[in-house]
């Protein structure tokens, strides 16, 4: 895992490029990082255009805690903007260090997100 995080920004750039490739969207405008209790709230966003495991992206470890989603969704919102929704996140207590904890936010920024909402 440490090799992936020797260049945290570079890894985030690679992950953002993979998101663009998978979704066909060159950028996203907003990101939501949803704690496991918030996952049902994503239904209010409508149907995602894409959903895939975060492990398909560089630098994202598989969830180690039961109930943590480990998925990423892309939505086209009614106002025309694109949203990334991280279903679950890496926690420091999982023992992987701080780089994996911050990776979703770095990736969202590199994917174009100007606003990021973190929940718990």
Protein backbone atom coordinates (compact mmCIF):
# COMPACT_ATOMS: atom_id res chain seq x y z
CA UNK A 1 0.00 0.00 0.00
CA UNK A 2 2.81 2.45 0.80
CA UNK A 3 4.10 2.44 -2.81
CA UNK A 4 0.75 3.84 -3.98
CA UNK A 5 1.03 6.70 -1.53
CA UNK A 6 4.62 7.76 -2.12
CA UNK A 7 3.07 10.31 -4.53
CA UNK A 8 -0.41 11.04 -3.09
CA UNK A 9 -1.31 13.75 -5.62
CA UNK A 10 -0.07 11.67 -8.54
CA UNK A 11 -2.13 8.72 -7.36
CA UNK A 12 -5.19 11.00 -7.06
CA UNK A 13 -4.63 12.25 -10.61
CA UNK A 14 -4.52 8.63 -11.84
CA UNK A 15 -7.70 7.78 -9.92
CA UNK A 16 -9.49 10.86 -11.30
CA UNK A 17 -8.46 9.92 -14.84
CA UNK A 18 -9.88 6.42 -14.31
CA UNK A 19 -13.16 7.93 -13.04
CA UNK A 20 -13.36 10.03 -16.22
CA UNK A 21 -12.64 6.94 -18.32
CA UNK A 22 -15.26 4.78 -16.57
CA UNK A 23 -18.00 7.43 -16.50
CA UNK A 24 -17.26 9.19 -19.79
CA UNK A 25 -17.45 12.49 -17.88
CA UNK A 26 -14.33 14.64 -18.14
CA UNK A 27 -15.08 16.23 -14.77
CA UNK A 28 -17.38 16.15 -11.78
CA UNK A 29 -18.55 19.24 -9.94
CA UNK A 30 -19.41 18.07 -6.43
CA UNK A 31 -18.57 15.07 -4.28
CA UNK A 32 -20.33 13.52 -1.31
CA UNK A 33 -18.45 11.13 0.96
CA UNK A 34 -21.20 9.18 2.64
CA UNK A 35 -20.76 7.43 5.96
CA UNK A 36 -22.45 4.03 6.06
CA UNK A 37 -25.54 5.43 7.84
CA UNK A 38 -26.06 7.94 5.04
CA UNK A 39 -26.10 5.45 2.16
CA UNK A 40 -29.93 5.33 1.90
CA UNK A 41 -29.97 9.13 1.47
CA UNK A 42 -28.38 8.72 -1.95
CA UNK A 43 -31.74 7.48 -3.24
CA UNK A 44 -32.86 11.12 -3.23
CA UNK A 45 -30.28 11.83 -5.94
CA UNK A 46 -32.07 9.57 -8.40
CA UNK A 47 -30.54 6.81 -10.47
CA UNK A 48 -26.75 6.90 -10.81
CA UNK A 49 -25.33 6.93 -14.31
CA UNK A 50 -22.47 4.70 -13.12
CA UNK A 51 -21.60 2.61 -10.08
CA UNK A 52 -18.38 0.70 -9.52
CA UNK A 53 -16.09 -0.56 -6.78
CA UNK A 54 -13.54 1.95 -5.52
CA UNK A 55 -10.94 -0.81 -5.86
CA UNK A 56 -11.15 -0.28 -9.65
CA UNK A 57 -9.32 3.01 -9.01
CA UNK A 58 -5.65 3.49 -8.14
CA UNK A 59 -4.99 3.98 -4.44
CA UNK A 60 -8.32 2.84 -3.02
CA UNK A 61 -8.14 -0.13 -0.65
CA UNK A 62 -11.01 -2.55 -0.23
CA UNK A 63 -13.21 -1.84 2.80
CA UNK A 64 -12.07 -3.71 5.90
CA UNK A 65 -15.19 -3.09 8.00
CA UNK A 66 -18.49 -4.89 7.43
CA UNK A 67 -21.16 -2.48 6.18
CA UNK A 68 -18.76 0.00 4.58
CA UNK A 69 -19.83 0.39 0.98
CA UNK A 70 -16.65 0.50 -1.06
CA UNK A 71 -18.56 1.82 -4.07
CA UNK A 72 -18.44 5.02 -6.08
CA UNK A 73 -21.42 6.40 -7.94
CA UNK A 74 -21.64 9.10 -10.57
CA UNK A 75 -24.84 11.11 -10.96
CA UNK A 76 -26.09 13.70 -13.40
CA UNK A 77 -28.05 16.11 -11.21
CA UNK A 78 -31.16 18.01 -12.29
CA UNK A 79 -29.16 21.28 -12.45
CA UNK A 80 -26.83 19.71 -15.02
CA UNK A 81 -23.86 19.19 -12.74
CA UNK A 82 -22.08 15.89 -12.19
CA UNK A 83 -21.79 14.45 -8.69
CA UNK A 84 -19.47 11.78 -7.30
CA UNK A 85 -20.82 9.86 -4.34
CA UNK A 86 -18.44 7.74 -2.32
CA UNK A 87 -20.40 5.04 -0.49
CA UNK A 88 -18.19 4.53 2.52
CA UNK A 89 -14.67 5.69 3.20
CA UNK A 90 -11.38 4.57 4.68
CA UNK A 91 -10.93 5.31 8.38
CA UNK A 92 -7.68 5.89 10.24
CA UNK A 93 -8.56 3.14 12.73
CA UNK A 94 -8.31 0.61 9.89
CA UNK A 95 -4.55 0.92 10.28
CA UNK A 96 -3.63 1.95 6.74
CA UNK A 97 -2.32 5.43 7.63
CA UNK A 98 -3.48 8.92 6.74
CA UNK A 99 -2.87 8.84 2.99
CA UNK A 100 -5.71 6.35 2.29
CA UNK A 101 -8.01 8.37 4.58
CA UNK A 102 -7.45 11.54 2.53
CA UNK A 103 -7.33 9.83 -0.87
CA UNK A 104 -11.05 10.19 -1.71
CA UNK A 105 -10.96 13.94 -1.13
CA UNK A 106 -7.77 14.37 -3.17
CA UNK A 107 -9.26 12.28 -5.96
CA UNK A 108 -12.50 14.30 -5.97
CA UNK A 109 -10.53 17.54 -6.25
CA UNK A 110 -8.47 16.13 -9.13
CA UNK A 111 -11.74 15.01 -10.77
CA UNK A 112 -12.84 18.67 -10.81
CA UNK A 113 -14.99 18.88 -7.68
CA UNK A 114 -15.13 22.37 -6.20
CA UNK A 115 -17.46 21.34 -3.33
CA UNK A 116 -17.09 18.24 -1.18
CA UNK A 117 -19.48 17.18 1.57
CA UNK A 118 -18.14 14.79 4.22
CA UNK A 119 -20.61 12.92 6.41
CA UNK A 120 -20.26 10.62 9.36
